[in-house]
N, C-alpha and C. Protein backbone atom coordinates (compact mmCIF):
# COMPACT_ATOMS: atom_id res chain seq x y z
N MET A 1 111.10 107.82 73.61
CA MET A 1 110.50 108.17 74.89
C MET A 1 110.54 106.96 75.80
N SER A 2 110.96 107.16 77.02
CA SER A 2 111.06 106.04 77.94
C SER A 2 109.68 105.62 78.42
N LEU A 3 109.63 104.45 79.01
CA LEU A 3 108.37 103.97 79.58
C LEU A 3 107.79 105.00 80.53
N ARG A 4 108.60 105.49 81.44
CA ARG A 4 108.08 106.40 82.44
C ARG A 4 107.82 107.78 81.88
N SER A 5 108.51 108.17 80.80
CA SER A 5 108.16 109.44 80.17
C SER A 5 106.73 109.33 79.64
N ARG A 6 106.40 108.21 79.06
CA ARG A 6 105.06 108.02 78.54
C ARG A 6 104.05 107.98 79.66
N ILE A 7 104.33 107.26 80.71
CA ILE A 7 103.41 107.14 81.82
C ILE A 7 103.23 108.50 82.46
N ALA A 8 104.30 109.25 82.53
CA ALA A 8 104.19 110.52 83.19
C ALA A 8 103.27 111.42 82.47
N ARG A 9 102.91 111.13 81.27
CA ARG A 9 102.05 112.03 80.59
C ARG A 9 100.61 111.78 80.88
N CYS A 10 100.23 111.02 81.80
CA CYS A 10 98.80 110.87 81.97
C CYS A 10 98.30 110.44 83.29
N GLY A 11 98.86 110.15 84.22
CA GLY A 11 98.19 109.90 85.47
C GLY A 11 98.08 108.46 85.73
N GLY A 12 98.64 107.65 85.17
CA GLY A 12 98.47 106.26 85.40
C GLY A 12 98.58 105.63 84.08
N GLY A 13 98.69 106.30 83.23
CA GLY A 13 98.71 105.85 81.94
C GLY A 13 99.67 106.45 81.09
N TRP A 14 99.69 107.72 80.76
CA TRP A 14 100.69 108.22 79.84
C TRP A 14 101.36 109.51 80.21
N ALA A 15 101.02 110.49 80.81
CA ALA A 15 101.71 111.73 80.82
C ALA A 15 102.13 112.10 82.19
N VAL A 16 103.26 112.67 82.31
CA VAL A 16 103.69 112.89 83.65
C VAL A 16 102.68 113.66 84.38
N ALA A 17 101.99 114.35 83.72
CA ALA A 17 100.83 114.87 84.33
C ALA A 17 100.08 113.72 84.86
N CYS A 18 100.12 112.69 84.27
CA CYS A 18 99.50 111.51 84.80
C CYS A 18 100.27 111.04 85.91
N GLY A 19 101.43 111.31 85.84
CA GLY A 19 102.26 110.79 86.83
C GLY A 19 102.75 109.55 86.37
N LEU A 20 102.31 109.21 85.51
CA LEU A 20 103.03 108.08 85.24
C LEU A 20 102.23 107.29 84.40
N VAL A 21 102.53 106.34 82.54
CA VAL A 21 102.13 106.41 81.54
C VAL A 21 102.70 105.38 81.71
N LEU A 22 101.25 103.91 80.52
CA LEU A 22 101.22 103.27 80.05
C LEU A 22 101.69 102.36 80.13
N MET A 23 101.95 101.41 80.80
CA MET A 23 102.11 101.08 80.54
C MET A 23 102.69 100.49 80.50
N ALA A 24 102.05 99.78 80.72
CA ALA A 24 103.14 99.87 80.66
C ALA A 24 103.85 99.23 79.69
N SER A 25 104.97 100.05 79.34
CA SER A 25 105.58 99.03 78.60
C SER A 25 106.88 99.40 77.98
N GLY A 26 107.22 99.50 76.81
CA GLY A 26 108.61 99.65 76.38
C GLY A 26 109.13 101.05 76.46
N THR A 27 110.39 101.24 76.15
CA THR A 27 110.98 102.57 76.06
C THR A 27 111.08 102.98 74.62
N ALA A 28 111.53 104.20 74.39
CA ALA A 28 111.45 104.75 73.06
C ALA A 28 112.42 104.14 72.08
N ALA A 29 112.00 104.14 70.85
CA ALA A 29 112.86 103.63 69.79
C ALA A 29 113.73 104.75 69.26
N ALA A 30 114.91 104.37 68.77
CA ALA A 30 115.81 105.37 68.21
C ALA A 30 115.28 105.84 66.87
N GLN A 31 115.55 107.08 66.52
CA GLN A 31 115.14 107.61 65.24
C GLN A 31 116.09 107.11 64.16
N ASP A 32 115.53 107.02 62.92
CA ASP A 32 116.32 106.47 61.82
C ASP A 32 117.60 107.25 61.57
N ASP A 33 117.52 108.58 61.73
CA ASP A 33 118.69 109.39 61.40
C ASP A 33 119.60 109.64 62.59
N GLU A 34 119.36 109.01 63.72
CA GLU A 34 120.19 109.22 64.90
C GLU A 34 121.38 108.28 64.85
N PRO A 35 122.61 108.80 65.01
CA PRO A 35 123.79 107.94 64.99
C PRO A 35 123.71 106.90 66.09
N THR A 36 124.06 105.68 65.76
CA THR A 36 123.97 104.61 66.76
C THR A 36 124.97 104.82 67.89
N SER A 37 126.01 105.62 67.67
CA SER A 37 127.01 105.84 68.71
C SER A 37 126.63 106.95 69.67
N SER A 38 125.55 107.71 69.37
CA SER A 38 125.18 108.84 70.21
C SER A 38 124.64 108.34 71.55
N VAL A 39 124.95 109.08 72.59
CA VAL A 39 124.46 108.76 73.92
C VAL A 39 123.76 109.99 74.46
N SER A 40 122.57 109.82 74.98
CA SER A 40 121.83 110.93 75.57
C SER A 40 121.39 110.55 76.97
N VAL A 41 121.40 111.54 77.85
CA VAL A 41 120.98 111.35 79.24
C VAL A 41 119.97 112.43 79.58
N SER A 42 118.85 112.04 80.14
CA SER A 42 117.81 113.00 80.52
C SER A 42 117.25 112.65 81.89
N ALA A 43 116.65 113.63 82.51
CA ALA A 43 116.03 113.45 83.83
C ALA A 43 114.65 114.08 83.80
N ASN A 44 113.81 113.68 84.74
CA ASN A 44 112.48 114.25 84.82
C ASN A 44 112.02 114.28 86.28
N ALA A 45 111.16 115.21 86.58
CA ALA A 45 110.56 115.32 87.91
C ALA A 45 109.12 115.76 87.72
N GLY A 46 108.23 115.30 88.58
CA GLY A 46 106.83 115.65 88.40
C GLY A 46 106.00 115.44 89.65
N TRP A 47 104.75 115.86 89.54
CA TRP A 47 103.77 115.70 90.61
C TRP A 47 102.41 115.44 89.98
N VAL A 48 101.61 114.57 90.59
CA VAL A 48 100.23 114.34 90.14
C VAL A 48 99.30 114.38 91.34
N SER A 49 98.10 114.84 91.09
CA SER A 49 97.11 114.93 92.17
C SER A 49 96.67 113.56 92.64
N GLN A 50 96.65 112.59 91.70
CA GLN A 50 96.33 111.20 92.01
C GLN A 50 97.27 110.33 91.20
N TYR A 51 98.08 109.52 91.84
CA TYR A 51 98.97 108.63 91.11
C TYR A 51 98.23 107.32 90.85
N TYR A 52 97.78 107.16 89.61
CA TYR A 52 97.19 105.92 89.16
C TYR A 52 98.17 105.23 88.22
N PHE A 53 98.32 103.93 88.38
CA PHE A 53 99.12 103.16 87.43
C PHE A 53 98.27 102.00 86.93
N ARG A 54 98.08 101.99 85.61
CA ARG A 54 97.23 100.97 84.98
C ARG A 54 95.85 100.91 85.62
N GLY A 55 95.32 102.10 85.90
CA GLY A 55 93.96 102.19 86.41
C GLY A 55 93.81 101.95 87.89
N ILE A 56 94.89 101.72 88.62
CA ILE A 56 94.83 101.40 90.05
C ILE A 56 95.48 102.53 90.85
N LEU A 57 94.77 103.05 91.85
CA LEU A 57 95.29 104.13 92.66
C LEU A 57 96.47 103.67 93.50
N GLN A 58 97.56 104.42 93.42
CA GLN A 58 98.74 104.16 94.24
C GLN A 58 98.81 105.14 95.41
N LYS A 59 98.58 106.44 95.12
CA LYS A 59 98.63 107.44 96.20
C LYS A 59 98.00 108.74 95.73
N THR A 60 97.30 109.42 96.64
CA THR A 60 96.83 110.77 96.38
C THR A 60 97.98 111.75 96.63
N SER A 61 98.22 112.63 95.67
CA SER A 61 99.31 113.61 95.71
C SER A 61 100.66 112.90 95.82
N SER A 62 101.28 112.68 94.67
CA SER A 62 102.53 111.93 94.62
C SER A 62 103.56 112.66 93.76
N ALA A 63 104.78 112.76 94.27
CA ALA A 63 105.89 113.33 93.53
C ALA A 63 106.75 112.21 92.97
N SER A 64 107.42 112.49 91.86
CA SER A 64 108.23 111.45 91.21
C SER A 64 109.45 112.07 90.56
N ALA A 65 110.43 111.22 90.24
CA ALA A 65 111.63 111.66 89.53
C ALA A 65 112.23 110.47 88.81
N GLY A 66 112.90 110.73 87.69
CA GLY A 66 113.48 109.63 86.91
C GLY A 66 114.73 110.06 86.17
N LEU A 67 115.46 109.06 85.70
CA LEU A 67 116.69 109.27 84.95
C LEU A 67 116.72 108.25 83.82
N ASP A 68 116.99 108.71 82.59
CA ASP A 68 117.01 107.84 81.42
C ASP A 68 118.30 108.04 80.62
N LEU A 69 118.81 106.92 80.08
CA LEU A 69 119.99 106.96 79.23
C LEU A 69 119.69 106.15 77.98
N SER A 70 120.05 106.70 76.83
CA SER A 70 119.86 105.98 75.58
C SER A 70 121.12 106.06 74.74
N ALA A 71 121.42 104.97 74.03
CA ALA A 71 122.55 104.89 73.11
C ALA A 71 122.08 104.14 71.88
N GLY A 72 121.82 104.88 70.80
CA GLY A 72 121.27 104.24 69.62
C GLY A 72 119.92 103.64 69.94
N PRO A 73 119.70 102.37 69.64
CA PRO A 73 118.40 101.75 69.88
C PRO A 73 118.19 101.26 71.31
N VAL A 74 119.20 101.39 72.16
CA VAL A 74 119.14 100.84 73.52
C VAL A 74 118.82 101.95 74.52
N SER A 75 117.84 101.71 75.39
CA SER A 75 117.47 102.66 76.43
C SER A 75 117.40 101.94 77.78
N VAL A 76 117.90 102.59 78.82
CA VAL A 76 117.78 102.09 80.18
C VAL A 76 117.41 103.26 81.08
N GLY A 77 116.80 102.96 82.21
CA GLY A 77 116.44 104.05 83.09
C GLY A 77 115.91 103.59 84.42
N THR A 78 115.66 104.56 85.28
CA THR A 78 115.07 104.30 86.59
C THR A 78 114.10 105.43 86.90
N TRP A 79 113.09 105.12 87.68
CA TRP A 79 112.05 106.09 88.02
C TRP A 79 111.53 105.76 89.40
N ALA A 80 111.28 106.78 90.22
CA ALA A 80 110.81 106.56 91.59
C ALA A 80 109.66 107.49 91.89
N ALA A 81 108.72 107.00 92.71
CA ALA A 81 107.56 107.80 93.10
C ALA A 81 107.21 107.54 94.56
N ASP A 82 106.67 108.55 95.20
CA ASP A 82 106.18 108.44 96.57
C ASP A 82 104.88 107.65 96.59
N VAL A 83 104.83 106.57 97.35
CA VAL A 83 103.60 105.79 97.48
C VAL A 83 103.12 105.74 98.93
N GLY A 84 103.60 106.67 99.75
CA GLY A 84 103.15 106.73 101.13
C GLY A 84 104.02 105.91 102.06
N ASP A 85 103.88 104.59 102.01
CA ASP A 85 104.72 103.70 102.81
C ASP A 85 105.97 103.40 101.99
N GLY A 86 106.92 104.31 102.00
CA GLY A 86 108.14 104.15 101.21
C GLY A 86 107.96 104.66 99.79
N SER A 87 108.78 104.14 98.90
CA SER A 87 108.78 104.58 97.51
C SER A 87 108.69 103.40 96.56
N GLU A 88 108.10 103.65 95.41
CA GLU A 88 108.18 102.72 94.29
C GLU A 88 109.43 103.07 93.49
N VAL A 89 110.25 102.09 93.18
CA VAL A 89 111.46 102.30 92.39
C VAL A 89 111.43 101.34 91.21
N ASP A 90 111.43 101.88 90.01
CA ASP A 90 111.36 101.06 88.80
C ASP A 90 112.71 101.06 88.08
N LEU A 91 113.07 99.90 87.58
CA LEU A 91 114.26 99.75 86.74
C LEU A 91 113.79 99.17 85.42
N TYR A 92 114.21 99.75 84.29
CA TYR A 92 113.70 99.28 83.01
C TYR A 92 114.73 99.49 81.91
N GLY A 93 114.57 98.72 80.85
CA GLY A 93 115.43 98.84 79.69
C GLY A 93 114.74 98.27 78.47
N SER A 94 115.16 98.72 77.28
CA SER A 94 114.54 98.22 76.07
C SER A 94 115.45 98.42 74.87
N VAL A 95 115.12 97.72 73.82
CA VAL A 95 115.75 97.91 72.51
C VAL A 95 114.63 98.20 71.53
N GLY A 96 114.77 99.25 70.73
CA GLY A 96 113.69 99.62 69.83
C GLY A 96 114.19 100.13 68.50
N PHE A 97 113.26 100.34 67.59
CA PHE A 97 113.61 100.91 66.30
C PHE A 97 112.40 101.66 65.76
N ALA A 98 112.68 102.54 64.79
CA ALA A 98 111.61 103.29 64.13
C ALA A 98 111.88 103.33 62.64
N ALA A 99 110.82 103.25 61.87
CA ALA A 99 110.90 103.34 60.40
C ALA A 99 109.70 104.13 59.93
N GLY A 100 109.91 105.38 59.57
CA GLY A 100 108.79 106.21 59.19
C GLY A 100 107.84 106.41 60.36
N ASP A 101 106.56 106.15 60.15
CA ASP A 101 105.57 106.31 61.22
C ASP A 101 105.46 105.09 62.12
N PHE A 102 106.22 104.04 61.83
CA PHE A 102 106.13 102.81 62.62
C PHE A 102 107.28 102.74 63.62
N SER A 103 106.99 102.29 64.84
CA SER A 103 108.02 102.07 65.85
C SER A 103 107.67 100.83 66.65
N ALA A 104 108.69 100.20 67.22
CA ALA A 104 108.48 99.02 68.05
C ALA A 104 109.62 98.89 69.03
N SER A 105 109.38 98.24 70.14
CA SER A 105 110.43 98.00 71.13
C SER A 105 110.11 96.75 71.94
N VAL A 106 111.15 96.18 72.53
CA VAL A 106 111.03 95.05 73.43
C VAL A 106 111.97 95.30 74.60
N GLY A 107 111.51 94.97 75.81
CA GLY A 107 112.35 95.26 76.97
C GLY A 107 111.83 94.57 78.22
N GLY A 108 112.26 95.08 79.36
CA GLY A 108 111.86 94.51 80.64
C GLY A 108 111.79 95.57 81.71
N THR A 109 110.98 95.33 82.75
CA THR A 109 110.80 96.28 83.85
C THR A 109 110.71 95.52 85.16
N ALA A 110 111.34 96.07 86.19
CA ALA A 110 111.19 95.56 87.57
C ALA A 110 110.60 96.69 88.40
N TYR A 111 109.49 96.42 89.09
CA TYR A 111 108.86 97.38 89.99
C TYR A 111 109.19 96.96 91.42
N LEU A 112 109.96 97.78 92.12
CA LEU A 112 110.45 97.46 93.46
C LEU A 112 109.90 98.47 94.46
N TYR A 113 109.86 98.08 95.75
CA TYR A 113 109.29 98.95 96.78
C TYR A 113 110.18 98.96 98.01
N THR A 114 110.39 100.18 98.55
CA THR A 114 111.27 100.30 99.71
C THR A 114 110.53 100.05 101.01
N GLY A 115 109.20 100.07 100.99
CA GLY A 115 108.39 99.82 102.18
C GLY A 115 107.46 98.65 101.97
N ALA A 116 106.41 98.59 102.79
CA ALA A 116 105.47 97.47 102.73
C ALA A 116 104.25 97.79 101.87
N PHE A 117 104.29 98.85 101.07
CA PHE A 117 103.15 99.20 100.24
C PHE A 117 102.80 98.09 99.26
N ASP A 118 103.81 97.46 98.67
CA ASP A 118 103.57 96.39 97.70
C ASP A 118 104.83 95.55 97.58
N ASP A 119 104.73 94.47 96.79
CA ASP A 119 105.88 93.60 96.58
C ASP A 119 106.33 93.70 95.12
N THR A 120 107.36 92.96 94.77
CA THR A 120 108.03 93.09 93.47
C THR A 120 107.21 92.53 92.31
N TYR A 121 107.21 93.29 91.21
CA TYR A 121 106.66 92.83 89.93
C TYR A 121 107.81 92.78 88.92
N ARG A 122 107.83 91.73 88.08
CA ARG A 122 108.85 91.60 87.04
C ARG A 122 108.15 91.34 85.71
N GLU A 123 108.53 92.13 84.68
CA GLU A 123 107.80 92.08 83.42
C GLU A 123 108.71 92.01 82.21
N ALA A 124 108.21 91.38 81.16
CA ALA A 124 108.72 91.56 79.80
C ALA A 124 107.74 92.47 79.09
N ASN A 125 108.25 93.48 78.39
CA ASN A 125 107.42 94.51 77.78
C ASN A 125 107.60 94.54 76.27
N PHE A 126 106.49 94.72 75.57
CA PHE A 126 106.50 94.80 74.11
C PHE A 126 105.60 95.97 73.70
N SER A 127 106.05 96.75 72.74
CA SER A 127 105.21 97.85 72.27
C SER A 127 105.39 98.06 70.79
N ALA A 128 104.36 98.59 70.15
CA ALA A 128 104.42 98.92 68.73
C ALA A 128 103.47 100.09 68.50
N GLY A 129 103.82 100.93 67.54
CA GLY A 129 102.97 102.07 67.25
C GLY A 129 103.06 102.46 65.79
N TYR A 130 101.98 103.05 65.32
CA TYR A 130 101.96 103.59 63.96
C TYR A 130 101.22 104.92 64.01
N GLY A 131 101.95 105.99 63.73
CA GLY A 131 101.35 107.31 63.83
C GLY A 131 100.85 107.57 65.23
N PRO A 132 99.61 107.98 65.39
CA PRO A 132 99.08 108.32 66.72
C PRO A 132 98.59 107.12 67.54
N VAL A 133 98.64 105.92 66.97
CA VAL A 133 98.07 104.75 67.63
C VAL A 133 99.19 103.82 68.12
N GLY A 134 99.07 103.32 69.33
CA GLY A 134 100.07 102.43 69.89
C GLY A 134 99.45 101.29 70.67
N VAL A 135 100.19 100.20 70.79
CA VAL A 135 99.78 99.03 71.56
C VAL A 135 100.92 98.65 72.49
N ASP A 136 100.62 98.46 73.76
CA ASP A 136 101.60 98.01 74.75
C ASP A 136 101.13 96.68 75.34
N PHE A 137 102.06 95.75 75.48
CA PHE A 137 101.72 94.46 76.08
C PHE A 137 102.82 94.08 77.06
N ALA A 138 102.42 93.63 78.24
CA ALA A 138 103.36 93.19 79.27
C ALA A 138 102.92 91.85 79.80
N ILE A 139 103.90 91.01 80.08
CA ILE A 139 103.64 89.73 80.73
C ILE A 139 104.61 89.61 81.89
N GLY A 140 104.08 89.29 83.08
CA GLY A 140 104.96 89.32 84.24
C GLY A 140 104.50 88.43 85.37
N ASP A 141 105.26 88.52 86.47
CA ASP A 141 104.89 87.81 87.69
C ASP A 141 104.99 88.74 88.89
N TYR A 142 104.24 88.39 89.93
CA TYR A 142 104.15 89.18 91.15
C TYR A 142 104.55 88.29 92.31
N LEU A 143 105.56 88.73 93.10
CA LEU A 143 106.12 87.86 94.14
C LEU A 143 105.19 87.68 95.33
N ASN A 144 104.28 88.65 95.59
CA ASN A 144 103.15 88.44 96.51
C ASN A 144 103.58 88.17 97.94
N PHE A 145 104.60 88.85 98.44
CA PHE A 145 105.00 88.79 99.85
C PHE A 145 105.25 87.37 100.35
N GLY A 146 105.78 86.52 99.52
CA GLY A 146 106.11 85.17 99.94
C GLY A 146 105.00 84.16 99.79
N ASP A 147 103.78 84.62 99.51
CA ASP A 147 102.69 83.68 99.22
C ASP A 147 102.85 83.16 97.80
N GLU A 148 101.87 82.42 97.32
CA GLU A 148 101.97 81.85 95.99
C GLU A 148 102.13 82.95 94.94
N LYS A 149 103.16 82.83 94.12
CA LYS A 149 103.44 83.82 93.08
C LYS A 149 102.30 83.87 92.08
N GLN A 150 101.97 85.07 91.63
CA GLN A 150 100.90 85.25 90.66
C GLN A 150 101.47 85.68 89.30
N ASN A 151 100.85 85.18 88.25
CA ASN A 151 101.25 85.55 86.89
C ASN A 151 100.15 86.39 86.25
N TYR A 152 100.54 87.33 85.41
CA TYR A 152 99.56 88.22 84.82
C TYR A 152 100.05 88.73 83.47
N TRP A 153 99.10 89.29 82.72
CA TRP A 153 99.45 90.06 81.53
C TRP A 153 98.64 91.34 81.52
N PHE A 154 99.13 92.33 80.79
CA PHE A 154 98.45 93.61 80.69
C PHE A 154 98.53 94.10 79.25
N LEU A 155 97.41 94.57 78.71
CA LEU A 155 97.34 95.07 77.34
C LEU A 155 96.75 96.47 77.36
N ALA A 156 97.40 97.40 76.66
CA ALA A 156 96.89 98.77 76.57
C ALA A 156 96.85 99.22 75.11
N LEU A 157 95.76 99.86 74.73
CA LEU A 157 95.62 100.49 73.43
C LEU A 157 95.65 102.00 73.65
N ASN A 158 96.53 102.71 72.96
CA ASN A 158 96.76 104.12 73.19
C ASN A 158 96.56 104.94 71.92
N VAL A 159 96.00 106.12 72.09
CA VAL A 159 95.86 107.06 70.97
C VAL A 159 96.28 108.44 71.47
N GLU A 160 97.05 109.15 70.64
CA GLU A 160 97.48 110.49 71.01
C GLU A 160 97.53 111.36 69.77
N GLN A 161 96.95 112.55 69.86
CA GLN A 161 96.94 113.45 68.71
C GLN A 161 96.77 114.89 69.19
N SER A 162 97.70 115.74 68.80
CA SER A 162 97.61 117.18 69.08
C SER A 162 97.38 117.48 70.55
N GLY A 163 98.06 116.75 71.41
CA GLY A 163 97.94 116.97 72.85
C GLY A 163 96.87 116.15 73.53
N PHE A 164 95.89 115.67 72.79
CA PHE A 164 94.85 114.82 73.37
C PHE A 164 95.33 113.37 73.41
N PHE A 165 94.96 112.64 74.45
CA PHE A 165 95.39 111.25 74.56
C PHE A 165 94.29 110.39 75.16
N GLY A 166 94.33 109.13 74.85
CA GLY A 166 93.37 108.18 75.40
C GLY A 166 94.00 106.82 75.54
N THR A 167 93.58 106.08 76.56
CA THR A 167 94.10 104.73 76.82
C THR A 167 92.97 103.82 77.27
N PHE A 168 92.98 102.61 76.77
CA PHE A 168 92.13 101.55 77.33
C PHE A 168 93.06 100.42 77.74
N GLY A 169 92.97 99.98 79.00
CA GLY A 169 93.84 98.93 79.50
C GLY A 169 93.06 97.80 80.14
N THR A 170 93.58 96.59 80.02
CA THR A 170 92.92 95.42 80.61
C THR A 170 93.95 94.42 81.10
N PHE A 171 93.64 93.74 82.21
CA PHE A 171 94.50 92.72 82.80
C PHE A 171 93.97 91.33 82.47
N GLY A 172 94.86 90.32 82.59
CA GLY A 172 94.45 88.95 82.39
C GLY A 172 95.27 87.99 83.24
N ASN A 173 94.93 86.72 83.18
CA ASN A 173 95.53 85.63 83.95
C ASN A 173 95.12 85.77 85.42
N ASP A 174 96.07 85.86 86.36
CA ASP A 174 95.71 85.94 87.78
C ASP A 174 95.23 87.33 88.19
N PHE A 175 95.40 88.33 87.33
CA PHE A 175 94.92 89.68 87.61
C PHE A 175 93.66 89.94 86.79
N ASP A 176 92.85 90.89 87.25
CA ASP A 176 91.63 91.22 86.54
C ASP A 176 91.38 92.71 86.66
N GLY A 177 90.62 93.27 85.73
CA GLY A 177 90.25 94.67 85.80
C GLY A 177 90.48 95.39 84.48
N GLN A 178 89.72 96.46 84.27
CA GLN A 178 89.83 97.27 83.07
C GLN A 178 89.68 98.74 83.45
N TYR A 179 90.25 99.60 82.61
CA TYR A 179 90.08 101.04 82.82
C TYR A 179 90.22 101.77 81.50
N ALA A 180 89.73 103.01 81.48
CA ALA A 180 89.89 103.89 80.33
C ALA A 180 90.24 105.27 80.84
N GLU A 181 91.06 105.97 80.08
CA GLU A 181 91.49 107.31 80.47
C GLU A 181 91.59 108.20 79.24
N VAL A 182 91.10 109.41 79.35
CA VAL A 182 91.23 110.40 78.27
C VAL A 182 91.69 111.71 78.90
N GLY A 183 92.47 112.48 78.14
CA GLY A 183 92.96 113.72 78.70
C GLY A 183 93.64 114.59 77.67
N TYR A 184 94.24 115.66 78.17
CA TYR A 184 94.92 116.63 77.32
C TYR A 184 96.17 117.11 78.03
N GLY A 185 97.29 117.19 77.29
CA GLY A 185 98.53 117.68 77.84
C GLY A 185 99.05 118.86 77.04
N PHE A 186 99.72 119.79 77.71
CA PHE A 186 100.27 120.96 77.04
C PHE A 186 101.48 121.47 77.81
N SER A 187 102.27 122.31 77.16
CA SER A 187 103.45 122.88 77.77
C SER A 187 103.30 124.38 77.92
N ALA A 188 103.81 124.91 79.04
CA ALA A 188 103.78 126.34 79.28
C ALA A 188 104.86 126.67 80.31
N ALA A 189 105.58 127.76 80.08
CA ALA A 189 106.62 128.21 81.01
C ALA A 189 107.63 127.10 81.30
N ASP A 190 108.01 126.36 80.25
CA ASP A 190 108.99 125.28 80.35
C ASP A 190 108.54 124.12 81.24
N LEU A 191 107.24 124.02 81.49
CA LEU A 191 106.69 122.90 82.25
C LEU A 191 105.65 122.18 81.40
N ASP A 192 105.42 120.92 81.71
CA ASP A 192 104.41 120.12 81.03
C ASP A 192 103.23 119.91 81.98
N PHE A 193 102.03 120.19 81.50
CA PHE A 193 100.83 120.06 82.31
C PHE A 193 99.88 119.06 81.66
N SER A 194 99.03 118.46 82.48
CA SER A 194 98.01 117.58 81.91
C SER A 194 96.81 117.48 82.84
N ILE A 195 95.68 117.20 82.24
CA ILE A 195 94.45 116.93 82.97
C ILE A 195 93.79 115.75 82.29
N SER A 196 93.30 114.81 83.07
CA SER A 196 92.68 113.62 82.48
C SER A 196 91.56 113.12 83.37
N GLY A 197 90.67 112.35 82.77
CA GLY A 197 89.61 111.67 83.49
C GLY A 197 89.79 110.17 83.35
N LEU A 198 89.73 109.45 84.45
CA LEU A 198 89.97 108.01 84.45
C LEU A 198 88.74 107.29 85.00
N VAL A 199 88.29 106.29 84.27
CA VAL A 199 87.19 105.43 84.71
C VAL A 199 87.73 104.02 84.86
N ASN A 200 87.56 103.43 86.04
CA ASN A 200 88.01 102.05 86.25
C ASN A 200 86.86 101.19 86.76
N ASP A 201 86.89 99.92 86.40
CA ASP A 201 85.79 99.05 86.79
C ASP A 201 85.85 98.71 88.27
N LYS A 202 84.77 98.07 88.77
CA LYS A 202 84.66 97.84 90.20
C LYS A 202 85.72 96.87 90.73
N THR A 203 86.37 96.12 89.85
CA THR A 203 87.41 95.20 90.29
C THR A 203 88.62 95.94 90.83
N ILE A 204 88.95 97.08 90.23
CA ILE A 204 90.18 97.79 90.60
C ILE A 204 89.94 99.21 91.11
N SER A 205 88.68 99.67 91.14
CA SER A 205 88.43 101.07 91.49
C SER A 205 88.72 101.38 92.96
N GLY A 206 88.46 100.42 93.85
CA GLY A 206 88.61 100.70 95.27
C GLY A 206 87.45 101.50 95.84
N HIS A 207 86.44 101.82 95.01
CA HIS A 207 85.27 102.57 95.47
C HIS A 207 84.13 101.63 95.83
N HIS A 208 83.28 102.08 96.78
CA HIS A 208 82.15 101.26 97.22
C HIS A 208 80.89 102.12 97.29
N ASP A 209 79.74 101.49 97.06
CA ASP A 209 78.49 102.21 97.17
C ASP A 209 78.03 102.25 98.63
N SER A 210 76.82 102.79 98.87
CA SER A 210 76.32 102.95 100.23
C SER A 210 76.11 101.62 100.95
N ALA A 211 75.98 100.55 100.17
CA ALA A 211 75.80 99.22 100.76
C ALA A 211 77.13 98.50 100.95
N GLY A 212 78.22 99.18 100.61
CA GLY A 212 79.52 98.56 100.78
C GLY A 212 79.96 97.68 99.63
N GLU A 213 79.19 97.71 98.54
CA GLU A 213 79.54 96.89 97.38
C GLU A 213 80.48 97.66 96.44
N PRO A 214 81.43 96.96 95.80
CA PRO A 214 82.34 97.64 94.86
C PRO A 214 81.56 98.29 93.73
N ARG A 215 82.05 99.45 93.27
CA ARG A 215 81.39 100.15 92.18
C ARG A 215 82.44 100.72 91.24
N VAL A 216 82.00 101.11 90.06
CA VAL A 216 82.87 101.76 89.09
C VAL A 216 83.33 103.10 89.64
N GLY A 217 84.59 103.46 89.34
CA GLY A 217 85.12 104.72 89.84
C GLY A 217 85.40 105.71 88.72
N PHE A 218 85.36 107.00 89.05
CA PHE A 218 85.74 108.06 88.12
C PHE A 218 86.61 109.06 88.87
N THR A 219 87.73 109.42 88.29
CA THR A 219 88.68 110.32 88.95
C THR A 219 89.23 111.33 87.96
N LEU A 220 89.33 112.60 88.40
CA LEU A 220 90.03 113.63 87.64
C LEU A 220 91.46 113.71 88.15
N ILE A 221 92.41 113.79 87.22
CA ILE A 221 93.82 113.79 87.56
C ILE A 221 94.50 115.02 86.96
N PHE A 222 95.26 115.72 87.79
CA PHE A 222 96.02 116.88 87.34
C PHE A 222 97.51 116.59 87.55
N GLY A 223 98.34 117.04 86.63
CA GLY A 223 99.76 116.80 86.79
C GLY A 223 100.61 117.89 86.20
N VAL A 224 101.83 117.98 86.72
CA VAL A 224 102.82 118.91 86.19
C VAL A 224 104.18 118.23 86.25
N SER A 225 105.01 118.44 85.22
CA SER A 225 106.32 117.81 85.20
C SER A 225 107.33 118.67 84.47
N LYS A 226 108.57 118.33 84.64
CA LYS A 226 109.68 119.05 84.00
C LYS A 226 110.71 118.03 83.55
N SER A 227 111.17 118.15 82.32
CA SER A 227 112.22 117.27 81.79
C SER A 227 113.51 118.06 81.61
N PHE A 228 114.63 117.38 81.80
CA PHE A 228 115.94 118.01 81.70
C PHE A 228 116.84 117.18 80.79
N THR A 229 117.50 117.83 79.86
CA THR A 229 118.50 117.14 79.04
C THR A 229 119.86 117.33 79.70
N LEU A 230 120.48 116.24 80.12
CA LEU A 230 121.76 116.31 80.80
C LEU A 230 122.94 116.09 79.87
N LYS A 231 122.69 115.37 78.76
CA LYS A 231 123.76 115.12 77.79
C LYS A 231 123.16 114.88 76.42
């Protein structure tokens, strides 16, 4: 599963219903029995009521689309989403493997913007999982519109079982903030749906109380997506 496939499953964290999952962080590992010479190409499109990424609101009502290619353990892809002032365009790649219930990957991601909504982020991504539990770690830098460059790391702990999913994420270094998200995803009529609740701390919520002070935020997120196998 690609980075953005995972993110799309949750609204900022994992399911395309999310609009966009986890993470961030690596792409899917190849299965043990998959020939290393096989090449697969897939596409995805989706919509979320609130596009949150790593607990931070990007846009209310956002559409997205992506394209992924994998060959054995190597995956590359691109994903784009409406952020109001232009689009977010992500480029990512990884190398991964799986052995039984264990999987791991290492890769990189560039988050680019066509407008003035934000500036470029560049990351190295690492992920590992065992059964329903996964860990994603990213370390990167933020170009910050020509001002002093900022360095950051992001850590996410993920759990998924029988359609239910949960994520806890936290930032470090020059970035700060934490969030948690829980939800449920399901498929119907060849579409993938999800609903989740996201709680983010006052550092990243963007919400304020009656006195104008930052406060903890809570948001319900609805999403729908469709995946296509092209090859």
